[in-house]
Amino acid sequence: MDPQSVVNALNQSLASLAAKPVGLHEPCFQGKEWEYVKECLDTGWVSTVGKFVDRFEDELKNITGVEHAIAVVNGTAALHVSLILAGVEREDEVMLPALSFVAPANAIAYCGAVPHFIDSEEKTLGVDPARLETYLSEIAEVRSGHCFNKQTGRLIRAVVAVHTFGHPVDMDLLKEVCDRFHLILIEDAAESLGSYYKGKHTGHWGQSASVSFNGNKIVTTGGGGAVLIRDAELAKKARHITTTARRPHGWNFYHDQVGYNYRLPNINAALGCAQLEQLPEFLKWKRSLAMAYQECFANVSAVRFFEEPEFAKSNYWLNVLLLAEADMNQLNALIEATRDEGILTRPAWTLLCRLPMFQNCPRMNLDQAENLELRIVNIPSSAGLGREACASNV
């Protein structure tokens, strides 16, 4: 592979869009961010209570269509809460893709549970439901309504589906597999705000879903996350345990279980409210950028621009180039060449099963994840780049 052909296509895509260096994914602040944050500072409502927290949660419900939203301090906390709601206990196994950011594996470890790594598919970059079903048919058995790993003897409690880089997993097929094996489905929607599966926003298939608002996400609160839940009782429990499990009272401090100080501060929610007001524009700009990339890479044989699955409308959070061949040397050469040009790119994550704290965890055959790990390159994806692309096409 000649890295220069890819560099040339990137330069063509970005030539009229931005000066270099070009970041991977930078926040875009052009709305009422300062106005709302200043109101928090002026009024003193900067902590975990305030009107912007309620407003932020209401806006998330309106955008996603999920009945309940509980704002928390980050996406990992949201995943931790989702696992607690699913009843994950010490020595349970929780299945998740090996091709993922470390957050879901860490959250599983917080529960004292065991990550069980499963493979991904090239169509979505997420969990492969068909291969998972085959694997579970070989290693699992259902007894008294619970799924057990015949090899380890442990209960397999849940499956975490990661919507990788904003592209939805095939949720209907995955839900069927989970139902067949009595597994609770949890959606890691950290990267998929604004993404739709068969016309419905992500977050509607799992018992709960987690969203992230880190500084590099499509909408940011600086740090922050949310748990999306359809069931009212589960939502009530989530709100309770994320507020230190304190029983409401005017002055007494009585906590009825182990809780977590996970609630999102009002000042962060204020920033998020201003960001959510701009989400439709962000999504439009990011799709415009993705289409520009698609056109510029159409004739570059060394790589393929990854496009949303046919059943999805993705937010294209981080745009992806797929190398034609799985080759670490080619991958590193390409990333080095683009960075030398002032274009920030990065590979996918190191497979979680190779991290020292997880290398002894159970896993299925991961040949597709191993292949994708050596082929994925993330390229600049900021909404602001897409805004300039839209302007140049007017």
Protein backbone atom coordinates (compact mmCIF):
# COMPACT_ATOMS: atom_id res chain seq x y z
CA MET A 1 0.00 0.00 0.00
CA ASP A 2 1.20 3.50 -0.85
CA PRO A 3 0.26 5.72 2.12
CA GLN A 4 0.56 8.78 -0.09
CA SER A 5 -2.60 7.86 -2.02
CA VAL A 6 -4.56 8.02 1.22
CA VAL A 7 -2.84 11.23 2.29
CA ASN A 8 -3.73 12.78 -1.08
CA ALA A 9 -7.39 11.81 -0.71
CA LEU A 10 -7.50 13.23 2.81
CA ASN A 11 -5.89 16.44 1.62
CA GLN A 12 -8.44 16.66 -1.18
CA SER A 13 -11.30 16.14 1.29
CA LEU A 14 -9.96 18.70 3.74
CA ALA A 15 -8.36 21.23 1.39
CA SER A 16 -11.22 23.74 1.52
CA LEU A 17 -12.39 22.77 4.99
CA ALA A 18 -9.77 23.67 7.55
CA ALA A 19 -6.25 24.84 8.21
CA LYS A 20 -3.80 22.31 9.56
CA PRO A 21 -3.26 20.69 11.96
CA VAL A 22 -6.62 18.96 11.72
CA GLY A 23 -7.81 17.34 14.97
CA LEU A 24 -9.58 14.01 15.17
CA HIS A 25 -12.78 15.21 16.85
CA GLU A 26 -13.00 18.66 18.39
CA PRO A 27 -15.99 20.20 20.19
CA CYS A 28 -17.99 22.90 18.44
CA PHE A 29 -19.21 25.81 20.61
CA GLN A 30 -21.29 28.33 18.69
CA GLY A 31 -24.60 28.40 20.54
CA LYS A 32 -25.66 29.51 24.01
CA GLU A 33 -22.95 27.65 25.91
CA TRP A 34 -21.49 30.75 27.56
CA GLU A 35 -24.92 32.19 28.36
CA TYR A 36 -26.11 29.04 30.13
CA VAL A 37 -22.85 28.37 31.99
CA LYS A 38 -22.68 32.01 33.09
CA GLU A 39 -26.20 31.72 34.49
CA CYS A 40 -24.97 28.86 36.70
CA LEU A 41 -22.05 30.96 37.88
CA ASP A 42 -24.21 34.04 38.47
CA THR A 43 -26.85 32.15 40.45
CA GLY A 44 -24.49 29.79 42.27
CA TRP A 45 -26.29 26.67 40.98
CA VAL A 46 -23.20 24.79 39.86
CA SER A 47 -23.49 21.40 41.59
CA THR A 48 -25.76 18.37 41.21
CA VAL A 49 -29.08 20.22 41.59
CA GLY A 50 -30.43 22.83 39.22
CA LYS A 51 -32.80 23.51 36.36
CA PHE A 52 -30.31 22.59 33.65
CA VAL A 53 -30.00 19.01 34.89
CA ASP A 54 -33.77 18.52 34.57
CA ARG A 55 -33.83 20.29 31.22
CA PHE A 56 -30.92 18.22 29.91
CA GLU A 57 -32.66 14.97 30.86
CA ASP A 58 -35.93 16.12 29.27
CA GLU A 59 -34.13 17.00 26.03
CA LEU A 60 -32.46 13.59 25.93
CA LYS A 61 -35.85 11.93 26.28
CA ASN A 62 -37.25 14.06 23.46
CA ILE A 63 -34.32 13.32 21.16
CA THR A 64 -34.07 9.58 21.75
CA GLY A 65 -37.70 8.78 22.44
CA VAL A 66 -36.67 6.72 25.49
CA GLU A 67 -39.01 7.36 28.41
CA HIS A 68 -36.44 8.04 31.15
CA ALA A 69 -32.99 9.66 31.18
CA ILE A 70 -30.75 9.93 34.23
CA ALA A 71 -27.77 12.25 33.78
CA VAL A 72 -24.51 11.05 35.37
CA VAL A 73 -20.87 12.10 35.58
CA ASN A 74 -19.58 10.09 32.61
CA GLY A 75 -20.32 7.23 30.25
CA THR A 76 -18.46 4.66 32.35
CA ALA A 77 -20.66 5.50 35.34
CA ALA A 78 -23.69 5.05 33.10
CA LEU A 79 -22.44 1.59 32.11
CA HIS A 80 -21.79 0.70 35.75
CA VAL A 81 -25.35 1.68 36.67
CA SER A 82 -26.74 -0.32 33.73
CA LEU A 83 -24.91 -3.42 34.96
CA ILE A 84 -26.19 -2.93 38.51
CA LEU A 85 -29.75 -2.60 37.19
CA ALA A 86 -29.22 -5.85 35.26
CA GLY A 87 -28.38 -7.61 38.53
CA VAL A 88 -24.76 -8.31 37.60
CA GLU A 89 -23.00 -9.78 40.62
CA ARG A 90 -19.53 -10.97 41.55
CA GLU A 91 -18.30 -13.86 39.37
CA ASP A 92 -21.09 -13.42 36.82
CA GLU A 93 -19.94 -13.28 33.22
CA VAL A 94 -20.93 -10.40 30.95
CA MET A 95 -20.35 -10.67 27.21
CA LEU A 96 -18.98 -7.71 25.26
CA PRO A 97 -17.02 -7.16 22.05
CA ALA A 98 -13.24 -7.40 22.30
CA LEU A 99 -13.12 -4.54 19.78
CA SER A 100 -14.22 -1.73 22.07
CA PHE A 101 -13.02 1.10 24.25
CA VAL A 102 -12.08 -0.17 27.70
CA ALA A 103 -15.04 1.43 29.54
CA PRO A 104 -17.54 -1.48 29.42
CA ALA A 105 -14.90 -3.99 30.52
CA ASN A 106 -13.90 -1.72 33.40
CA ALA A 107 -17.53 -1.30 34.45
CA ILE A 108 -17.96 -5.08 34.48
CA ALA A 109 -14.87 -5.35 36.68
CA TYR A 110 -16.31 -2.73 39.06
CA CYS A 111 -19.13 -5.21 39.73
CA GLY A 112 -16.65 -7.98 40.49
CA ALA A 113 -17.89 -9.74 37.36
CA VAL A 114 -15.90 -11.31 34.51
CA PRO A 115 -15.74 -9.87 30.98
CA HIS A 116 -16.38 -12.53 28.32
CA PHE A 117 -15.14 -11.34 24.94
CA ILE A 118 -17.06 -11.92 21.71
CA ASP A 119 -16.39 -11.22 18.06
CA SER A 120 -17.44 -8.36 15.79
CA GLU A 121 -18.57 -8.19 12.19
CA GLU A 122 -17.35 -5.95 9.40
CA LYS A 123 -20.88 -4.86 8.41
CA THR A 124 -21.42 -2.88 11.64
CA LEU A 125 -18.02 -3.05 13.43
CA GLY A 126 -20.08 -4.29 16.40
CA VAL A 127 -21.30 -7.61 17.80
CA ASP A 128 -21.96 -10.33 15.21
CA PRO A 129 -25.32 -11.82 16.33
CA ALA A 130 -25.10 -14.91 14.10
CA ARG A 131 -21.65 -15.93 15.31
CA LEU A 132 -22.67 -15.19 18.90
CA GLU A 133 -25.66 -17.51 18.58
CA THR A 134 -23.46 -20.30 17.22
CA TYR A 135 -20.96 -19.80 20.01
CA LEU A 136 -23.58 -19.78 22.75
CA SER A 137 -25.10 -22.97 21.33
CA GLU A 138 -21.72 -24.62 21.89
CA ILE A 139 -20.68 -23.31 25.31
CA ALA A 140 -23.88 -22.32 27.12
CA GLU A 141 -26.89 -24.04 28.62
CA VAL A 142 -30.09 -22.56 30.02
CA ARG A 143 -31.22 -23.86 33.41
CA SER A 144 -34.17 -22.50 35.39
CA GLY A 145 -34.32 -19.41 33.20
CA HIS A 146 -30.63 -18.58 33.50
CA CYS A 147 -27.74 -18.99 31.09
CA PHE A 148 -24.63 -20.82 32.31
CA ASN A 149 -21.20 -21.22 30.77
CA LYS A 150 -20.62 -24.99 30.61
CA GLN A 151 -16.87 -24.46 30.51
CA THR A 152 -16.52 -22.23 33.58
CA GLY A 153 -19.72 -23.03 35.48
CA ARG A 154 -20.44 -19.33 35.88
CA LEU A 155 -23.73 -17.61 35.14
CA ILE A 156 -23.67 -15.49 31.98
CA ARG A 157 -25.82 -12.55 32.97
CA ALA A 158 -25.82 -10.05 30.10
CA VAL A 159 -24.54 -8.91 26.72
CA VAL A 160 -23.25 -5.37 26.15
CA ALA A 161 -23.76 -4.21 22.56
CA VAL A 162 -21.41 -1.38 21.59
CA HIS A 163 -22.57 0.86 18.73
CA THR A 164 -19.03 1.26 17.46
CA PHE A 165 -18.06 4.72 16.19
CA GLY A 166 -21.80 5.55 16.11
CA HIS A 167 -22.90 2.70 13.82
CA PRO A 168 -25.80 0.63 15.24
CA VAL A 169 -25.50 -3.10 15.78
CA ASP A 170 -28.17 -5.30 14.15
CA MET A 171 -30.34 -5.05 17.24
CA ASP A 172 -33.31 -7.18 16.14
CA LEU A 173 -31.09 -10.21 15.55
CA LEU A 174 -29.10 -9.62 18.72
CA LYS A 175 -32.27 -9.23 20.80
CA GLU A 176 -33.50 -12.59 19.48
CA VAL A 177 -30.26 -14.26 20.53
CA CYS A 178 -30.39 -12.68 23.98
CA ASP A 179 -34.01 -13.71 24.47
CA ARG A 180 -33.28 -17.28 23.41
CA PHE A 181 -30.47 -17.62 25.95
CA HIS A 182 -32.12 -15.54 28.70
CA LEU A 183 -29.47 -12.83 28.61
CA ILE A 184 -30.12 -9.20 29.53
CA LEU A 185 -29.23 -6.85 26.69
CA ILE A 186 -27.47 -3.57 27.52
CA GLU A 187 -26.67 -0.97 24.88
CA ASP A 188 -23.41 0.92 25.04
CA ALA A 189 -24.64 3.92 23.06
CA ALA A 190 -21.78 6.14 24.24
CA GLU A 191 -20.91 7.03 20.64
CA SER A 192 -24.33 6.84 18.98
CA LEU A 193 -26.34 9.91 20.03
CA GLY A 194 -28.25 10.81 16.87
CA SER A 195 -27.95 7.32 15.32
CA TYR A 196 -31.00 5.34 14.25
CA TYR A 197 -31.66 1.64 13.73
CA LYS A 198 -34.59 0.92 11.39
CA GLY A 199 -35.96 4.41 12.01
CA LYS A 200 -35.73 4.33 15.81
CA HIS A 201 -33.00 5.93 17.91
CA THR A 202 -30.51 3.62 19.58
CA GLY A 203 -31.38 2.82 23.18
CA HIS A 204 -34.76 1.11 22.61
CA TRP A 205 -33.64 -2.53 22.51
CA GLY A 206 -31.65 -3.02 25.68
CA GLN A 207 -32.94 -3.03 29.24
CA SER A 208 -30.97 0.20 29.47
CA ALA A 209 -28.50 2.18 27.40
CA SER A 210 -25.56 4.40 28.30
CA VAL A 211 -24.55 7.61 26.54
CA SER A 212 -21.32 9.60 26.85
CA PHE A 213 -20.82 13.37 26.62
CA ASN A 214 -17.04 13.43 26.86
CA GLY A 215 -15.23 16.30 25.14
CA ASN A 216 -14.72 14.27 21.97
CA LYS A 217 -18.34 13.16 21.56
CA ILE A 218 -20.87 14.64 19.11
CA VAL A 219 -22.39 16.60 22.03
CA THR A 220 -20.32 17.39 25.11
CA THR A 221 -20.91 18.42 28.69
CA GLY A 222 -17.16 18.51 29.31
CA GLY A 223 -17.51 15.18 31.05
CA GLY A 224 -20.82 13.46 31.52
CA GLY A 225 -23.10 10.63 30.57
CA ALA A 226 -26.64 9.38 30.87
CA VAL A 227 -28.56 6.18 31.45
CA LEU A 228 -31.56 5.72 29.15
CA ILE A 229 -34.28 3.44 30.54
CA ARG A 230 -37.77 2.51 29.34
CA ASP A 231 -39.06 0.97 32.58
CA ALA A 232 -40.25 3.45 35.22
CA GLU A 233 -39.29 1.33 38.25
CA LEU A 234 -35.80 0.71 36.94
CA ALA A 235 -35.41 4.42 36.24
CA LYS A 236 -36.49 5.21 39.80
CA LYS A 237 -33.87 2.79 41.11
CA ALA A 238 -31.19 4.28 38.85
CA ARG A 239 -31.94 7.80 40.04
CA HIS A 240 -31.77 6.63 43.66
CA ILE A 241 -28.45 4.79 43.51
CA THR A 242 -26.77 7.56 41.49
CA THR A 243 -27.69 10.06 44.23
CA THR A 244 -25.84 8.18 47.02
CA ALA A 245 -29.03 6.19 47.76
CA ARG A 246 -30.23 8.95 50.06
CA ARG A 247 -33.90 8.91 50.98
CA PRO A 248 -35.45 12.29 50.18
CA HIS A 249 -35.83 14.47 53.26
CA GLY A 250 -35.54 18.14 54.04
CA TRP A 251 -32.51 17.75 56.31
CA ASN A 252 -31.87 14.16 57.41
CA PHE A 253 -29.16 12.11 55.72
CA TYR A 254 -30.35 8.50 55.60
CA HIS A 255 -28.99 6.15 52.94
CA ASP A 256 -30.69 2.77 52.55
CA GLN A 257 -28.10 0.95 50.42
CA VAL A 258 -24.67 1.40 48.90
CA GLY A 259 -25.03 4.26 46.46
CA TYR A 260 -22.85 6.29 44.13
CA ASN A 261 -22.15 9.98 43.83
CA TYR A 262 -22.73 9.86 40.08
CA ARG A 263 -25.11 12.76 39.38
CA LEU A 264 -24.17 15.27 36.68
CA PRO A 265 -23.44 18.82 37.98
CA ASN A 266 -25.77 21.60 36.85
CA ILE A 267 -22.92 23.57 35.26
CA ASN A 268 -22.07 20.61 33.02
CA ALA A 269 -25.72 20.11 32.17
CA ALA A 270 -25.95 23.78 31.18
CA LEU A 271 -23.21 23.24 28.62
CA GLY A 272 -25.01 20.11 27.44
CA CYS A 273 -28.32 21.92 26.98
CA ALA A 274 -26.68 24.44 24.66
CA GLN A 275 -25.03 21.60 22.78
CA LEU A 276 -28.24 19.60 22.37
CA GLU A 277 -29.92 22.63 20.82
CA GLN A 278 -27.37 22.34 18.00
CA LEU A 279 -27.51 18.56 17.57
CA PRO A 280 -29.54 18.64 14.32
CA GLU A 281 -26.93 20.91 12.75
CA PHE A 282 -24.07 18.79 14.07
CA LEU A 283 -25.63 15.69 12.54
CA LYS A 284 -26.14 17.42 9.20
CA TRP A 285 -22.56 18.66 9.12
CA LYS A 286 -21.11 15.29 10.07
CA ARG A 287 -23.06 13.53 7.33
CA SER A 288 -21.85 16.13 4.85
CA LEU A 289 -18.27 15.41 5.87
CA ALA A 290 -18.85 11.66 5.58
CA MET A 291 -20.23 12.08 2.06
CA ALA A 292 -17.19 14.17 1.11
CA TYR A 293 -14.91 11.40 2.32
CA GLN A 294 -16.97 8.78 0.52
CA GLU A 295 -16.53 10.63 -2.75
CA CYS A 296 -12.80 11.30 -2.33
CA PHE A 297 -11.96 7.71 -1.39
CA ALA A 298 -14.14 6.05 -4.04
CA ASN A 299 -11.14 5.44 -6.32
CA VAL A 300 -8.47 4.72 -3.69
CA SER A 301 -7.95 0.97 -3.89
CA ALA A 302 -5.83 0.68 -0.74
CA VAL A 303 -8.67 1.60 1.60
CA ARG A 304 -12.46 1.68 1.82
CA PHE A 305 -14.47 4.40 3.51
CA PHE A 306 -16.81 2.69 5.98
CA GLU A 307 -20.47 3.48 5.31
CA GLU A 308 -23.44 3.04 7.64
CA PRO A 309 -25.20 -0.36 7.55
CA GLU A 310 -28.21 -0.53 5.24
CA PHE A 311 -30.63 -0.69 8.19
CA ALA A 312 -29.17 2.35 9.96
CA LYS A 313 -28.81 6.10 9.80
CA SER A 314 -25.58 6.72 11.67
CA ASN A 315 -24.21 9.86 13.24
CA TYR A 316 -20.73 9.11 11.78
CA TRP A 317 -19.19 10.02 15.13
CA LEU A 318 -15.71 8.89 14.10
CA ASN A 319 -15.20 8.27 10.40
CA VAL A 320 -13.43 5.05 9.50
CA LEU A 321 -11.11 3.94 6.73
CA LEU A 322 -10.72 0.18 6.33
CA LEU A 323 -7.42 -1.00 4.88
CA ALA A 324 -7.74 -3.60 2.14
CA GLU A 325 -5.37 -5.89 4.04
CA ALA A 326 -4.79 -6.56 7.74
CA ASP A 327 -1.20 -5.46 8.19
CA MET A 328 0.20 -3.70 11.27
CA ASN A 329 3.15 -2.27 9.34
CA GLN A 330 0.87 -0.74 6.71
CA LEU A 331 -1.44 0.58 9.43
CA ASN A 332 1.38 2.29 11.29
CA ALA A 333 2.91 3.66 8.08
CA LEU A 334 -0.42 5.21 7.10
CA ILE A 335 -0.99 6.80 10.51
CA GLU A 336 2.56 8.16 10.56
CA ALA A 337 2.20 9.59 7.05
CA THR A 338 -1.08 11.37 7.83
CA ARG A 339 0.23 12.78 11.10
CA ASP A 340 3.31 14.06 9.32
CA GLU A 341 0.87 16.00 7.10
CA GLY A 342 -0.82 17.56 10.13
CA ILE A 343 -3.89 15.30 9.88
CA LEU A 344 -4.60 13.54 13.16
CA THR A 345 -5.59 9.90 12.66
CA ARG A 346 -5.56 6.94 15.01
CA PRO A 347 -6.02 3.16 14.97
CA ALA A 348 -8.84 1.33 16.71
CA TRP A 349 -8.36 0.22 20.29
CA THR A 350 -6.08 -2.61 21.34
CA LEU A 351 -8.36 -5.64 21.67
CA LEU A 352 -9.51 -5.79 25.28
CA CYS A 353 -8.54 -9.43 25.67
CA ARG A 354 -4.89 -8.44 25.22
CA LEU A 355 -4.87 -5.89 28.04
CA PRO A 356 -3.04 -7.28 31.09
CA MET A 357 -6.01 -7.15 33.47
CA PHE A 358 -8.30 -9.00 31.03
CA GLN A 359 -6.01 -11.43 29.22
CA ASN A 360 -7.20 -14.46 31.19
CA CYS A 361 -10.90 -13.78 30.65
CA PRO A 362 -13.03 -16.17 28.55
CA ARG A 363 -13.36 -15.44 24.85
CA MET A 364 -14.77 -16.86 21.66
CA ASN A 365 -12.82 -17.07 18.41
CA LEU A 366 -12.02 -13.43 17.63
CA ASP A 367 -10.72 -13.70 14.07
CA GLN A 368 -12.90 -10.88 12.72
CA ALA A 369 -12.04 -8.52 15.58
CA GLU A 370 -8.36 -9.33 15.13
CA ASN A 371 -8.66 -8.58 11.43
CA LEU A 372 -10.50 -5.29 11.98
CA GLU A 373 -8.01 -4.17 14.63
CA LEU A 374 -5.29 -4.16 11.96
CA ARG A 375 -7.42 -2.41 9.33
CA ILE A 376 -9.31 0.41 11.08
CA VAL A 377 -8.06 3.97 10.84
CA ASN A 378 -10.12 6.81 12.32
CA ILE A 379 -9.85 10.09 10.40
CA PRO A 380 -10.86 13.69 11.31
CA SER A 381 -14.58 13.82 12.11
CA SER A 382 -15.34 17.13 13.86
CA ALA A 383 -18.74 18.65 13.17
CA GLY A 384 -16.95 21.91 12.41
CA LEU A 385 -15.21 20.29 9.43
CA GLY A 386 -18.60 19.28 8.07
CA ARG A 387 -19.92 22.81 8.61
CA GLU A 388 -17.20 24.14 6.36
CA ALA A 389 -17.95 21.39 3.84
CA CYS A 390 -21.60 22.46 3.76
CA ALA A 391 -20.61 26.09 3.32
CA SER A 392 -18.29 25.25 0.43
CA ASN A 393 -21.11 23.42 -1.36
CA VAL A 394 -23.56 26.34 -1.17
